[in-house]
Structure formats: structure tokens, C-alpha cells
Amino acid sequence: MRKTAILIAVAIVSMACSKEVVRNQVEVIPQPASVEVYEGTFDAAGAAFKADEDFCQLAKDAIAEFEADLAGASAKASASADTRFIFEKDGGLGEEEYSIEVCGKKAVIRAAGLKGVFYAIQTLRQMLPAEVYTGAAAPEADWTLPCMKIQDKPRFGYRGMHLDVSRHFFDINEVKKYIDIMAIHKLNVLHWHLTDDQGWRLEIKKYPQLTQTGAVRKQTIIGHGRDRKGYDNTPYGEGCFFTQDQVKEVIAYAAARGIEIIPEIDLPGHMLAALACFPELGCTGGPYEVWGRWGIADDVLCVGKEETMKFLEDVLAEVADLFPSEYVHIGGDECPKVRWEECPHCQAKIAELGLKDDDRHKAEHYLQSYVTNRMEQFLSTKGKKIIGWDEILEGEIAPNATVMSWRGVEGGLEAVRMGHDAIMVPYTHLYLDYYQSKDKAEEPLAIGGYIPVELVYSFEPFTEEMTDQEKSHILGIQANLWTEYITTDSYLEYMLLPRMSALSEIQWCEPENKDYDRFLGNMDNMAGIYDILGYNYAKHIFVK
């Protein structure tokens, strides 16, 4: 009799989780690397949770948060011993790799640490009712998961999103929300653009003037810059900066979600906010003011003066001490040389360094290379590496610099052929401050261009002629969100979503796993998540 009961139990379990694969996709973005879905289900409502004690505290915290949200949303406390979520530490997996095996009465999640655990939880959350993101009670919803096996890891180790808080400021709460959105999509780098001509947004303790004076512009251009409608005559930016304590709070918030923050201090151009505070660091001596228009200013730092270099090193020393990231982004883009050509200090430095015009570049380009090299050498003493926009290729690239290729992919290709690392961020596909619709009259004001979701999704950073060695130097992909025309939190989210979903797939998925039709089908599920979390998003792709 007992033997019969055992056989019946085995049969029931077998029926609950057939090993016959019924599909190899799930409604998850980004799509996992390998998926096998079987017949049968697992009831997540009220499931008990067990986490390996060897996990770090942040991983345990992520598991506990998921458990609490699931219990609240399913309206069933996690007390049942019949079904279990089991999180096992597996040192044989990569840092960002994870596996999920769901069968009958248990769901086993394996990962090496925080990032794998966190990404597995994001996958599970997307497969459950959207209320699991808020903990709002929805006991009538279907809280089952299919029996399945998922093996997953990202294609690229660098999966970035950029945020400009200089042109328009976004406070700590919105930056945290931005990080939350990134986390849902399994991005792992926030490139934080903190300084520019239009405002200095980071507290530097040695130079308090940078946020007292450099954060505030007296007016802002009205409408699109090309329309020349004048200025609003309204000061902008009073108190709009991040204290170092706030930065530490944001860094910790991001780290708990597997996200590294790379700060950008753009130099030697895009420095009018600093020059407004310290006019002696410019070639003409000023007067200068924090810029109220967009574009490229001719006035840049005077790099022929040693006091300018000391200023930069002082600033970067505080930045390096504040941010634990491996990299510091030093900009290097859009630096006109017209002031340097006429500046006696810069010309004296050119002569001192023996810089000459050649058939590739002018001496002033090599002067900028001197600045880049010097900042790289200084930051290396702080244990940091530099990233620069692709203009740092003009002249002589610093020995260990990583190139962020924005003017197309050509800069990235040139960099990897020289043995340098590169991150692909071409404006042709990945500038999310561009319009999402050709009907610009019906869209919020944007800088120009047209980048719909499909164009983002189509981007491929590897070219046919690239060697495997060159491909190994492509660290990953990033999208940029500049904020000249983005004035509110809602507007920021609208420009970001749903294009970030497309971004996440080109960062995460191997080319053979990309499928735009499948992606579009899964976006209905993602829209439900956006809705319950209160995100504002563009709806062009949802119009049938």
C-alpha cells in the first residue's frame, strides 16, 4: 500500500513538470540566453524562501525584498513548506550569470553573487503579475510560473545608460527612479554627466564656488536653439547640485541593484560653468558666465597655465575619492581650439612640448592630447582609468584610455584597431534625446533627428571585417540622454521609455536571440510594468 502511494506521488510530480519542451521563449526583456519551458506550473503565492548563507548581504536583501513584494501582491504570506524558492550560491557561474529551474514544488535559482541573484529576480518578476513590483495586493491574479529551465548571461559586460543633469537638473529621487528603470532592464552602468557649460552639479569641497556660482545660469534660451526666440530672463539652477553625501547615497542605491556609476567631468571644453567661477583659468580672462544657450562654446580652459592643471587635478582627486568606479569619464569632446591659437600661454606650452602641425592634426590637437595624457597619469595614481569621447583620438590617444564612440562607430573601430577598449554609443542609433516619431509637431520638443524603437533595436556593434581580437575590445553599448530640452521628470521618462527596452536587448542578447517581432510581443507585458510603476512612456509601438 505504501509503495503504491509513493508511485502515485511520483506520478503526480511527473505530471506537474513534464520534461517535454513546449516553447523556448518567455515574456521577458531582455530575452534570456537559453529557455526551455515545460508542461506544468509552480504556485509562487505563499512559497517559502530559502537563501544560501554564503551570499553577501546585498544579495540577501534583494531576495528578502522580492519575498516581501510577492507576499504582499499575492496576499499570501511566504509560509508554505509545500512550495519553495531556493537561492543557491554557485561559484562556478560568472558574476552576472544565473540559472532558474522551476519544477512542481520548487524554483531553484543559482548565482555566484549579487548581480546574478538580482538579474534572476528581475526575470522572475517579469513573469509574474505586475503587482509584484509594488507589493499591491492582487490575490485574484495568476501567481503561477511555468515549469522551466533558464540559463542566462549577458553578451556585454558594459551595459550603460547616460544621464545629463547639467543642462537640466534632476534631483536625487528622480536619479534613483532612473536607476530603478535601468535595474528592471538589467543595465549595469550609469554614466552620470555632472558638469557642463550650463551648470556645475557636483560639490567639490576645495572649490565651493563651483556650486555656489557655477550651478546657476541667469537665463535659458527659449524653444529650440536654432529658432532664436530669445531668452526667458529667469535664473535656473539655484541649489541644483548634488552634495557629496547625496552622491554616496546614490552610489549605494545603485550598488544594491548591481549598477556602477561612472562620473563625467568634461574637460578641457564645456567648462564655462567653471570659468564663470575662476576666470583666470581661461585664455582671455573673461568675464565669463554660465551659459544659457546650447551648443559649443569657443571659451575653454587655458591649458597652457599650470594653475589650470592644478585645478583639474584637485577636482579629479575629489571625484576619484568619492566614486568607487574603475573609470572616470573626462569628456574631451567639442573643444574648439580658436582661443588656444591666440593664447600666449597655450602657444608657449606648445613650444615647450615641441608640438607641431602635421598632415593629420594641428599642434593644438596635440596640446589637448597632452591634457588627456596628464589627467590619465594623475588618475592612475588614484587607481582609476579614463574614458573619453572619440575626439580623444585626435592627436595622440592616451596609452590606456577607453574610447566612447559617439560620432558613429568609426571612432570605436579606430580605437580597437589600435588595441584600445571602446564603448559604442553612436548618435545614429542610441541618442535618446532624438525624436521618436516623424510627426514632430505632436512630440515634445527635442534636439532633432529620428530614432524610433526599431532603429535602436537594429544596432549591432560588430562589423564583418572586425577580428576576434578587435571584438574583444568592444566593452559594450550605451545610450545617451542629453537634457537641453528635457525639463521635467515625466519628459525624461518619456524619452527613455520604451527605447530602453530595445537597448537592453542589444546589450544583453546574442545576435541569434534577437527577434524584433518577439520583442514587440513582449512589450505589452513591459507596458503593464511601466503602468503600475507610474512611468511615463511613449506609446508609438503599441498603436496597432
Protein backbone atom coordinates (compact mmCIF):
# COMPACT_ATOMS: atom_id res chain seq x y z
CA MET A 1 0.00 0.00 0.00
CA ARG A 2 2.79 2.40 0.94
CA LYS A 3 4.65 1.50 -2.28
CA THR A 4 1.52 2.32 -4.28
CA ALA A 5 1.21 5.71 -2.58
CA ILE A 6 4.81 6.52 -3.40
CA LEU A 7 4.30 5.60 -7.04
CA ILE A 8 1.20 7.79 -7.20
CA ALA A 9 3.12 10.71 -5.67
CA VAL A 10 5.93 10.28 -8.18
CA ALA A 11 3.41 10.21 -11.00
CA ILE A 12 1.77 13.42 -9.75
CA VAL A 13 5.11 15.20 -9.57
CA SER A 14 6.00 13.97 -13.05
CA MET A 15 2.70 15.25 -14.40
CA ALA A 16 3.33 18.60 -12.72
CA CYS A 17 6.58 19.08 -14.57
CA SER A 18 6.88 17.26 -17.89
CA LYS A 19 10.33 17.30 -19.48
CA GLU A 20 8.90 17.84 -22.95
CA VAL A 21 9.82 21.34 -24.13
CA VAL A 22 6.76 23.28 -25.22
CA ARG A 23 8.49 26.57 -26.09
CA ASN A 24 11.90 28.26 -25.90
CA GLN A 25 10.82 31.82 -25.15
CA VAL A 26 9.38 33.69 -22.20
CA GLU A 27 7.80 37.14 -21.99
CA VAL A 28 10.92 38.72 -20.55
CA ILE A 29 13.04 41.66 -21.73
CA PRO A 30 15.88 41.17 -22.33
CA GLN A 31 15.22 37.65 -23.57
CA PRO A 32 17.34 35.10 -21.66
CA ALA A 33 20.14 33.30 -23.46
CA SER A 34 18.59 29.82 -23.14
CA VAL A 35 14.99 28.96 -22.27
CA GLU A 36 13.17 25.64 -22.04
CA VAL A 37 9.53 25.74 -20.92
CA TYR A 38 7.75 22.52 -19.98
CA GLU A 39 4.21 21.49 -19.16
CA GLY A 40 3.21 22.14 -15.57
CA THR A 41 3.26 25.07 -13.18
CA PHE A 42 4.67 26.25 -9.89
CA ASP A 43 2.50 28.24 -7.47
CA ALA A 44 4.57 31.21 -6.34
CA ALA A 45 1.90 32.58 -3.99
CA GLY A 46 2.86 31.80 -0.44
CA ALA A 47 6.04 29.95 -1.42
CA ALA A 48 8.70 29.74 1.25
CA PHE A 49 12.09 31.32 0.60
CA LYS A 50 15.48 29.86 1.40
CA ALA A 51 18.74 31.69 0.65
CA ASP A 52 22.26 30.35 0.91
CA GLU A 53 24.01 31.86 3.92
CA ASP A 54 27.15 32.38 1.84
CA PHE A 55 25.51 35.13 -0.22
CA CYS A 56 26.58 38.71 0.56
CA GLN A 57 24.16 40.91 2.49
CA LEU A 58 23.11 42.87 -0.62
CA ALA A 59 22.10 39.63 -2.35
CA LYS A 60 20.17 38.55 0.74
CA ASP A 61 18.47 41.95 0.83
CA ALA A 62 17.39 41.60 -2.81
CA ILE A 63 15.91 38.17 -2.07
CA ALA A 64 14.11 39.47 1.03
CA GLU A 65 12.64 42.40 -0.93
CA PHE A 66 11.34 40.02 -3.61
CA GLU A 67 9.85 37.77 -0.93
CA ALA A 68 8.07 40.71 0.74
CA ASP A 69 6.73 42.09 -2.56
CA LEU A 70 5.49 38.67 -3.61
CA ALA A 71 3.78 38.05 -0.28
CA GLY A 72 2.10 41.46 -0.38
CA ALA A 73 1.00 41.23 -4.00
CA SER A 74 -0.28 37.65 -3.86
CA ALA A 75 -1.85 38.40 -0.44
CA LYS A 76 -0.40 35.18 0.86
CA ALA A 77 2.44 35.14 3.35
CA SER A 78 5.50 33.11 2.45
CA ALA A 79 4.96 30.35 4.98
CA SER A 80 4.17 27.28 2.90
CA ALA A 81 6.65 24.43 3.07
CA ASP A 82 4.99 22.81 0.06
CA THR A 83 6.50 25.20 -2.49
CA ARG A 84 9.88 26.88 -2.19
CA PHE A 85 12.11 29.45 -3.84
CA ILE A 86 15.63 28.20 -3.18
CA PHE A 87 18.56 30.55 -3.87
CA GLU A 88 21.83 28.65 -4.10
CA LYS A 89 25.30 30.16 -4.35
CA ASP A 90 27.22 28.66 -7.29
CA GLY A 91 30.81 29.85 -7.57
CA GLY A 92 31.13 28.14 -10.95
CA LEU A 93 28.90 30.76 -12.57
CA GLY A 94 30.09 34.13 -13.81
CA GLU A 95 29.42 37.32 -11.85
CA GLU A 96 26.38 38.23 -13.99
CA GLU A 97 25.27 34.70 -14.85
CA TYR A 98 22.34 32.87 -13.30
CA SER A 99 20.10 29.84 -13.79
CA ILE A 100 16.48 29.20 -12.87
CA GLU A 101 14.95 25.71 -12.66
CA VAL A 102 11.25 25.53 -11.88
CA CYS A 103 9.57 22.17 -11.46
CA GLY A 104 6.48 21.24 -9.50
CA LYS A 105 7.10 22.29 -5.92
CA LYS A 106 10.32 24.25 -6.14
CA ALA A 107 12.10 27.00 -8.02
CA VAL A 108 15.88 26.80 -7.71
CA ILE A 109 17.88 29.91 -8.54
CA ARG A 110 21.65 29.63 -8.79
CA ALA A 111 24.10 32.53 -8.96
CA ALA A 112 27.60 33.45 -7.85
CA GLY A 113 26.60 36.66 -6.09
CA LEU A 114 24.53 39.83 -6.06
CA LYS A 115 24.33 40.54 -9.79
CA GLY A 116 23.28 37.03 -10.77
CA VAL A 117 20.73 36.92 -7.96
CA PHE A 118 19.38 40.33 -8.88
CA TYR A 119 19.02 39.52 -12.58
CA ALA A 120 17.30 36.22 -11.82
CA ILE A 121 14.81 38.09 -9.66
CA GLN A 122 14.17 40.60 -12.47
CA THR A 123 13.40 37.70 -14.78
CA LEU A 124 11.01 36.15 -12.26
CA ARG A 125 9.30 39.47 -11.56
CA GLN A 126 8.58 40.00 -15.26
CA MET A 127 6.96 36.55 -15.45
CA LEU A 128 4.60 37.31 -12.57
CA PRO A 129 1.72 39.81 -12.39
CA ALA A 130 2.95 43.41 -12.45
CA GLU A 131 1.74 43.98 -8.88
CA VAL A 132 4.87 42.16 -7.71
CA TYR A 133 6.77 45.39 -8.43
CA THR A 134 4.76 47.36 -5.89
CA GLY A 135 3.51 44.78 -3.42
CA ALA A 136 -0.07 45.95 -4.07
CA ALA A 137 -2.50 43.14 -3.22
CA ALA A 138 -3.85 41.23 -6.25
CA PRO A 139 -4.92 37.84 -4.88
CA GLU A 140 -7.12 37.17 -7.91
CA ALA A 141 -4.15 37.30 -10.31
CA ASP A 142 -2.40 34.21 -11.64
CA TRP A 143 0.67 33.74 -9.45
CA THR A 144 1.94 30.60 -11.15
CA LEU A 145 5.20 30.19 -13.01
CA PRO A 146 5.66 27.63 -15.77
CA CYS A 147 7.97 24.72 -15.19
CA MET A 148 11.11 25.81 -16.99
CA LYS A 149 14.86 25.94 -17.20
CA ILE A 150 16.67 29.20 -17.90
CA GLN A 151 20.41 29.62 -18.35
CA ASP A 152 21.32 33.25 -18.79
CA LYS A 153 24.22 35.66 -19.00
CA PRO A 154 24.78 38.94 -20.86
CA ARG A 155 26.59 39.38 -24.16
CA PHE A 156 28.43 42.51 -22.99
CA GLY A 157 29.95 43.33 -19.63
CA TYR A 158 29.32 47.07 -20.09
CA ARG A 159 25.63 47.90 -20.46
CA GLY A 160 25.32 51.60 -19.95
CA MET A 161 22.85 54.45 -19.81
CA HIS A 162 23.88 58.10 -19.69
CA LEU A 163 22.14 60.90 -17.82
CA ASP A 164 22.91 64.59 -18.26
CA VAL A 165 21.97 66.59 -15.15
CA SER A 166 23.85 69.73 -16.18
CA ARG A 167 21.59 71.27 -18.84
CA HIS A 168 18.54 70.49 -16.73
CA PHE A 169 18.79 69.19 -13.20
CA PHE A 170 17.13 66.02 -11.91
CA ASP A 171 17.12 65.56 -8.16
CA ILE A 172 18.17 62.55 -6.13
CA ASN A 173 14.68 61.00 -6.18
CA GLU A 174 14.49 61.07 -9.97
CA VAL A 175 18.04 59.75 -10.31
CA LYS A 176 17.05 56.84 -8.08
CA LYS A 177 13.98 56.23 -10.25
CA TYR A 178 16.24 56.29 -13.31
CA ILE A 179 18.40 53.64 -11.63
CA ASP A 180 15.28 51.57 -10.87
CA ILE A 181 14.32 51.65 -14.55
CA MET A 182 17.83 50.58 -15.51
CA ALA A 183 17.68 47.74 -12.99
CA ILE A 184 14.45 46.34 -14.45
CA HIS A 185 16.23 46.13 -17.81
CA LYS A 186 19.45 44.59 -16.38
CA LEU A 187 21.69 47.55 -17.23
CA ASN A 188 24.79 47.82 -15.08
CA VAL A 189 26.44 51.25 -15.67
CA LEU A 190 25.09 54.75 -15.11
CA HIS A 191 27.24 57.34 -16.88
CA TRP A 192 26.49 60.47 -14.85
CA HIS A 193 27.24 63.69 -16.75
CA LEU A 194 27.70 66.14 -13.89
CA THR A 195 29.31 69.25 -15.37
CA ASP A 196 28.97 71.34 -18.50
CA ASP A 197 28.77 74.91 -19.78
CA GLN A 198 25.20 75.25 -18.48
CA GLY A 199 25.76 74.20 -14.88
CA TRP A 200 28.14 72.51 -12.42
CA ARG A 201 26.21 69.90 -10.42
CA LEU A 202 28.76 68.23 -8.14
CA GLU A 203 30.00 69.55 -4.81
CA ILE A 204 33.78 69.97 -4.79
CA LYS A 205 34.81 70.80 -1.25
CA LYS A 206 38.02 72.60 -2.23
CA TYR A 207 36.12 74.86 -4.65
CA PRO A 208 32.67 75.68 -3.19
CA GLN A 209 32.26 78.42 -5.82
CA LEU A 210 31.60 75.71 -8.41
CA THR A 211 28.17 75.03 -6.94
CA GLN A 212 27.56 78.46 -5.44
CA THR A 213 28.13 80.30 -8.71
CA GLY A 214 28.69 77.62 -11.34
CA ALA A 215 25.34 75.89 -10.77
CA VAL A 216 23.26 78.93 -11.70
CA ARG A 217 22.69 80.44 -15.14
CA LYS A 218 20.91 83.76 -15.28
CA GLN A 219 18.65 82.74 -18.16
CA THR A 220 17.86 79.95 -20.62
CA ILE A 221 17.21 80.09 -24.32
CA ILE A 222 13.53 79.82 -25.32
CA GLY A 223 12.44 76.99 -27.60
CA HIS A 224 14.84 75.37 -29.99
CA GLY A 225 18.26 76.98 -30.20
CA ARG A 226 18.06 77.37 -33.96
CA ASP A 227 14.83 79.37 -33.74
CA ARG A 228 16.47 82.29 -31.90
CA LYS A 229 13.40 83.25 -29.88
CA GLY A 230 15.47 84.93 -27.20
CA TYR A 231 15.88 84.10 -23.52
CA ASP A 232 13.47 83.62 -20.64
CA ASN A 233 15.36 86.03 -18.32
CA THR A 234 14.80 83.56 -15.46
CA PRO A 235 17.68 82.27 -13.33
CA TYR A 236 17.99 78.48 -13.31
CA GLY A 237 19.94 76.19 -11.02
CA GLU A 238 19.92 77.73 -7.53
CA GLY A 239 20.63 74.82 -5.19
CA CYS A 240 20.61 72.39 -8.13
CA PHE A 241 23.60 70.24 -7.35
CA PHE A 242 24.49 67.05 -5.52
CA THR A 243 26.34 67.16 -2.24
CA GLN A 244 28.99 64.53 -1.77
CA ASP A 245 26.80 62.86 0.86
CA GLN A 246 23.96 62.66 -1.67
CA VAL A 247 26.35 61.17 -4.22
CA LYS A 248 27.34 58.50 -1.70
CA GLU A 249 23.66 57.74 -1.15
CA VAL A 250 23.07 57.35 -4.90
CA ILE A 251 26.18 55.18 -5.29
CA ALA A 252 24.96 52.84 -2.53
CA TYR A 253 21.46 52.74 -4.01
CA ALA A 254 22.86 51.79 -7.42
CA ALA A 255 25.28 49.22 -5.99
CA ALA A 256 22.40 47.36 -4.33
CA ARG A 257 20.98 46.94 -7.85
CA GLY A 258 24.22 45.81 -9.46
CA ILE A 259 24.85 49.20 -11.07
CA GLU A 260 28.17 51.04 -11.16
CA ILE A 261 28.19 54.84 -11.51
CA ILE A 262 30.84 56.43 -13.70
CA PRO A 263 31.11 60.20 -13.22
CA GLU A 264 31.92 62.58 -16.05
CA ILE A 265 33.81 65.84 -15.57
CA ASP A 266 34.00 67.17 -19.13
CA LEU A 267 37.35 68.82 -19.93
CA PRO A 268 39.02 70.92 -21.30
CA GLY A 269 35.98 72.16 -23.23
CA HIS A 270 32.41 72.50 -21.92
CA MET A 271 33.85 74.36 -18.90
CA LEU A 272 32.07 77.73 -18.92
CA ALA A 273 30.43 77.00 -15.56
CA ALA A 274 33.90 76.62 -14.03
CA LEU A 275 35.28 79.64 -15.89
CA ALA A 276 32.42 81.77 -14.53
CA CYS A 277 33.82 80.96 -11.08
CA PHE A 278 37.51 81.21 -11.94
CA PRO A 279 38.01 83.48 -14.97
CA GLU A 280 41.77 83.35 -14.51
CA LEU A 281 41.65 79.75 -15.81
CA GLY A 282 40.54 80.93 -19.26
CA CYS A 283 42.64 82.18 -22.14
CA THR A 284 41.09 85.67 -22.23
CA GLY A 285 40.47 86.22 -18.52
CA GLY A 286 36.75 86.71 -19.13
CA PRO A 287 34.40 87.84 -17.90
CA TYR A 288 32.55 84.54 -18.36
CA GLU A 289 29.10 83.39 -17.34
CA VAL A 290 27.30 80.09 -17.00
CA TRP A 291 25.86 79.58 -20.46
CA GLY A 292 22.14 79.98 -21.07
CA ARG A 293 22.21 78.53 -24.57
CA TRP A 294 23.08 75.17 -26.08
CA GLY A 295 25.87 74.19 -28.43
CA ILE A 296 29.65 74.53 -28.39
CA ALA A 297 31.35 77.48 -26.73
CA ASP A 298 34.67 78.84 -28.03
CA ASP A 299 35.81 79.63 -24.48
CA VAL A 300 37.54 76.62 -22.93
CA LEU A 301 40.11 76.09 -20.19
CA CYS A 302 43.54 77.62 -20.76
CA VAL A 303 45.70 74.51 -20.59
CA GLY A 304 48.91 76.47 -21.01
CA LYS A 305 48.64 77.59 -17.39
CA GLU A 306 49.88 75.30 -14.66
CA GLU A 307 47.21 76.63 -12.31
CA THR A 308 44.57 75.20 -14.67
CA MET A 309 46.15 71.78 -14.49
CA LYS A 310 46.29 72.04 -10.71
CA PHE A 311 42.59 72.93 -10.65
CA LEU A 312 41.74 69.88 -12.75
CA GLU A 313 43.82 67.58 -10.59
CA ASP A 314 42.21 68.96 -7.42
CA VAL A 315 38.72 68.37 -8.84
CA LEU A 316 39.52 64.89 -10.15
CA ALA A 317 41.15 63.93 -6.84
CA GLU A 318 37.85 64.53 -5.04
CA VAL A 319 35.91 62.76 -7.80
CA ALA A 320 38.21 59.74 -7.66
CA ASP A 321 37.94 59.55 -3.88
CA LEU A 322 34.15 59.86 -3.99
CA PHE A 323 33.29 57.36 -6.72
CA PRO A 324 34.41 53.72 -6.32
CA SER A 325 34.07 53.03 -10.05
CA GLU A 326 37.03 51.73 -12.04
CA TYR A 327 36.63 54.57 -14.54
CA VAL A 328 36.34 58.35 -14.57
CA HIS A 329 35.00 59.92 -17.77
CA ILE A 330 36.94 63.08 -18.66
CA GLY A 331 34.94 64.12 -21.74
CA GLY A 332 37.32 65.55 -24.31
CA ASP A 333 34.62 66.32 -26.87
CA GLU A 334 33.77 69.51 -28.72
CA CYS A 335 36.76 71.56 -27.62
CA PRO A 336 37.37 74.38 -30.12
CA LYS A 337 40.99 75.45 -30.47
CA VAL A 338 40.42 79.08 -31.50
CA ARG A 339 41.33 80.53 -28.11
CA TRP A 340 44.44 78.34 -27.85
CA GLU A 341 45.61 79.51 -31.27
CA GLU A 342 45.76 83.10 -29.99
CA CYS A 343 46.67 82.48 -26.35
CA PRO A 344 50.31 83.25 -25.39
CA HIS A 345 50.16 80.73 -22.52
CA CYS A 346 48.91 77.91 -24.76
CA GLN A 347 51.36 78.78 -27.52
CA ALA A 348 54.21 78.81 -25.01
CA LYS A 349 53.15 75.35 -23.80
CA ILE A 350 53.05 74.11 -27.40
CA ALA A 351 56.59 75.38 -27.91
CA GLU A 352 57.75 73.90 -24.60
CA LEU A 353 56.35 70.48 -25.56
CA GLY A 354 57.70 70.70 -29.12
CA LEU A 355 54.27 70.17 -30.66
CA LYS A 356 53.92 70.71 -34.42
CA ASP A 357 51.24 70.71 -37.09
CA ASP A 358 51.34 67.63 -39.30
CA ASP A 359 49.28 66.14 -42.09
CA ARG A 360 46.82 64.70 -39.54
CA HIS A 361 46.28 67.39 -36.93
CA LYS A 362 47.28 70.83 -35.78
CA ALA A 363 49.59 71.41 -32.85
CA GLU A 364 46.59 72.48 -30.77
CA HIS A 365 45.11 68.98 -31.12
CA TYR A 366 48.30 67.56 -29.69
CA LEU A 367 48.02 70.11 -26.89
CA GLN A 368 44.68 68.56 -25.95
CA SER A 369 46.35 65.14 -26.08
CA TYR A 370 48.86 66.48 -23.54
CA VAL A 371 45.96 67.36 -21.21
CA THR A 372 44.33 63.96 -21.68
CA ASN A 373 47.61 62.14 -21.04
CA ARG A 374 48.31 64.19 -17.95
CA MET A 375 44.85 63.53 -16.50
CA GLU A 376 45.21 59.83 -17.26
CA GLN A 377 48.54 59.72 -15.46
CA PHE A 378 47.12 61.61 -12.48
CA LEU A 379 44.03 59.40 -12.20
CA SER A 380 46.17 56.28 -12.46
CA THR A 381 47.75 57.32 -9.16
CA LYS A 382 44.22 57.11 -7.75
CA GLY A 383 43.70 53.64 -9.18
CA LYS A 384 41.42 54.89 -11.98
CA LYS A 385 41.24 54.52 -15.75
CA ILE A 386 39.85 57.16 -18.10
CA ILE A 387 37.10 57.14 -20.68
CA GLY A 388 36.85 59.92 -23.26
CA TRP A 389 34.59 60.76 -26.18
CA ASP A 390 36.03 59.76 -29.56
CA GLU A 391 37.64 63.19 -30.06
CA ILE A 392 40.47 61.98 -27.81
CA LEU A 393 41.66 60.05 -30.87
CA GLU A 394 42.58 63.38 -32.48
CA GLY A 395 46.27 63.88 -31.83
CA GLU A 396 47.73 61.07 -29.71
CA ILE A 397 45.40 58.94 -27.63
CA ALA A 398 46.45 58.41 -24.02
CA PRO A 399 48.06 54.98 -23.56
CA ASN A 400 45.30 53.31 -21.52
CA ALA A 401 42.26 55.36 -22.48
CA THR A 402 38.91 53.82 -23.39
CA VAL A 403 37.10 55.49 -26.30
CA MET A 404 33.38 56.20 -26.18
CA SER A 405 32.41 56.29 -29.85
CA TRP A 406 29.54 58.74 -30.38
CA ARG A 407 30.08 60.21 -33.87
CA GLY A 408 29.08 56.90 -35.42
CA VAL A 409 31.06 53.69 -34.90
CA GLU A 410 34.20 54.80 -36.73
CA GLY A 411 35.93 56.09 -33.59
CA GLY A 412 35.33 52.79 -31.86
CA LEU A 413 36.67 50.84 -34.83
CA GLU A 414 39.78 53.01 -34.93
CA ALA A 415 40.31 52.53 -31.20
CA VAL A 416 40.05 48.74 -31.22
CA ARG A 417 42.40 48.51 -34.20
CA MET A 418 44.92 50.37 -32.08
CA GLY A 419 44.40 47.93 -29.20
CA HIS A 420 42.25 50.26 -27.09
CA ASP A 421 38.92 49.39 -25.50
CA ALA A 422 35.80 51.06 -26.85
CA ILE A 423 32.17 51.56 -25.91
CA MET A 424 29.70 52.07 -28.75
CA VAL A 425 27.25 54.97 -28.33
CA PRO A 426 26.58 56.18 -31.91
CA TYR A 427 24.23 59.14 -32.23
CA THR A 428 22.72 57.46 -35.29
CA HIS A 429 21.03 54.79 -33.13
CA LEU A 430 21.49 55.49 -29.44
CA TYR A 431 20.82 59.17 -28.70
CA LEU A 432 17.53 59.08 -26.83
CA ASP A 433 17.15 62.87 -26.87
CA TYR A 434 16.14 62.50 -30.54
CA TYR A 435 12.51 62.34 -31.67
CA GLN A 436 10.65 59.03 -31.51
CA SER A 437 8.18 59.94 -34.25
CA LYS A 438 8.38 61.64 -37.61
CA ASP A 439 5.35 63.70 -36.58
CA LYS A 440 7.47 66.16 -34.62
CA ALA A 441 4.62 68.60 -34.19
CA GLU A 442 2.89 66.09 -31.92
CA GLU A 443 6.03 65.29 -29.92
CA PRO A 444 7.69 67.16 -27.07
CA LEU A 445 10.49 69.45 -28.22
CA ALA A 446 13.70 67.54 -28.91
CA ILE A 447 17.10 68.38 -30.30
CA GLY A 448 16.30 66.82 -33.69
CA GLY A 449 16.78 63.57 -35.53
CA TYR A 450 14.53 60.50 -35.51
CA ILE A 451 15.32 57.34 -33.54
CA PRO A 452 12.33 55.04 -33.08
CA VAL A 453 12.42 51.84 -31.03
CA GLU A 454 13.07 49.72 -34.12
CA LEU A 455 16.19 51.71 -35.03
CA VAL A 456 17.60 51.27 -31.53
CA TYR A 457 16.89 47.54 -31.75
CA SER A 458 18.68 47.24 -35.09
CA PHE A 459 22.07 48.37 -33.79
CA GLU A 460 24.95 45.88 -33.99
CA PRO A 461 28.37 46.99 -32.73
CA PHE A 462 30.41 44.33 -34.51
CA THR A 463 31.24 44.66 -38.19
CA GLU A 464 32.09 41.85 -40.59
CA GLU A 465 35.68 42.97 -41.01
CA MET A 466 36.45 43.04 -37.28
CA THR A 467 38.78 40.35 -35.99
CA ASP A 468 38.02 38.39 -32.82
CA GLN A 469 40.79 40.31 -31.09
CA GLU A 470 39.22 43.63 -32.08
CA LYS A 471 35.79 42.43 -30.96
CA SER A 472 37.23 41.60 -27.55
CA HIS A 473 37.99 45.30 -27.09
CA ILE A 474 34.34 46.33 -27.52
CA LEU A 475 33.33 46.53 -23.87
CA GLY A 476 29.70 47.15 -24.64
CA ILE A 477 26.94 49.53 -25.65
CA GLN A 478 25.44 52.65 -24.11
CA ALA A 479 22.63 55.04 -24.95
CA ASN A 480 22.85 58.75 -24.16
CA LEU A 481 20.17 61.09 -22.86
CA TRP A 482 21.16 64.75 -23.10
CA THR A 483 18.76 67.18 -21.48
CA GLU A 484 18.91 70.53 -23.26
CA TYR A 485 15.17 70.27 -23.97
CA ILE A 486 14.16 67.78 -21.29
CA THR A 487 12.84 69.89 -18.44
CA THR A 488 10.76 67.58 -16.22
CA ASP A 489 10.84 64.09 -14.72
CA SER A 490 7.87 62.99 -16.83
CA TYR A 491 9.53 64.25 -20.01
CA LEU A 492 12.74 62.42 -19.08
CA GLU A 493 10.91 59.12 -18.68
CA TYR A 494 9.01 59.65 -21.94
CA MET A 495 12.25 60.00 -23.91
CA LEU A 496 13.76 57.00 -22.13
CA LEU A 497 10.88 54.54 -22.46
CA PRO A 498 10.25 52.21 -24.19
CA ARG A 499 13.52 52.69 -26.06
CA MET A 500 15.46 51.41 -23.05
CA SER A 501 13.77 48.03 -23.55
CA ALA A 502 15.27 47.84 -27.04
CA LEU A 503 18.61 49.00 -25.66
CA SER A 504 18.58 46.23 -23.06
CA GLU A 505 18.19 43.52 -25.70
CA ILE A 506 21.07 44.74 -27.89
CA GLN A 507 23.25 44.91 -24.79
CA TRP A 508 22.23 41.54 -23.34
CA CYS A 509 21.22 39.23 -26.18
CA GLU A 510 23.46 37.39 -28.60
CA PRO A 511 22.50 38.28 -32.19
CA GLU A 512 20.81 34.91 -32.77
CA ASN A 513 18.48 35.58 -29.81
CA LYS A 514 17.29 38.91 -31.14
CA ASP A 515 13.87 38.92 -32.81
CA TYR A 516 12.06 42.21 -33.23
CA ASP A 517 8.62 40.62 -33.63
CA ARG A 518 9.09 38.57 -30.46
CA PHE A 519 10.35 41.71 -28.74
CA LEU A 520 7.25 43.69 -29.76
CA GLY A 521 5.03 40.89 -28.49
CA ASN A 522 6.74 41.01 -25.12
CA MET A 523 6.40 44.77 -24.84
CA ASP A 524 2.73 44.51 -23.86
CA ASN A 525 3.88 42.83 -20.66
CA MET A 526 6.54 45.52 -20.16
CA ALA A 527 3.92 48.26 -20.65
CA GLY A 528 1.96 46.78 -17.77
CA ILE A 529 5.04 47.13 -15.58
CA TYR A 530 5.57 50.73 -16.69
CA ASP A 531 1.93 51.47 -15.92
CA ILE A 532 1.87 50.05 -12.40
CA LEU A 533 5.11 51.85 -11.53
CA GLY A 534 3.73 55.13 -12.84
CA TYR A 535 6.35 55.69 -15.54
CA ASN A 536 5.52 57.97 -18.43
CA TYR A 537 6.39 56.32 -21.75
CA ALA A 538 5.91 56.78 -25.47
CA LYS A 539 3.20 54.56 -26.94
CA HIS A 540 4.03 54.58 -30.65
CA ILE A 541 4.85 50.86 -30.82
CA PHE A 542 1.60 49.94 -29.06
CA VAL A 543 -0.60 51.55 -31.71
CA LYS A 544 -1.85 48.71 -33.90
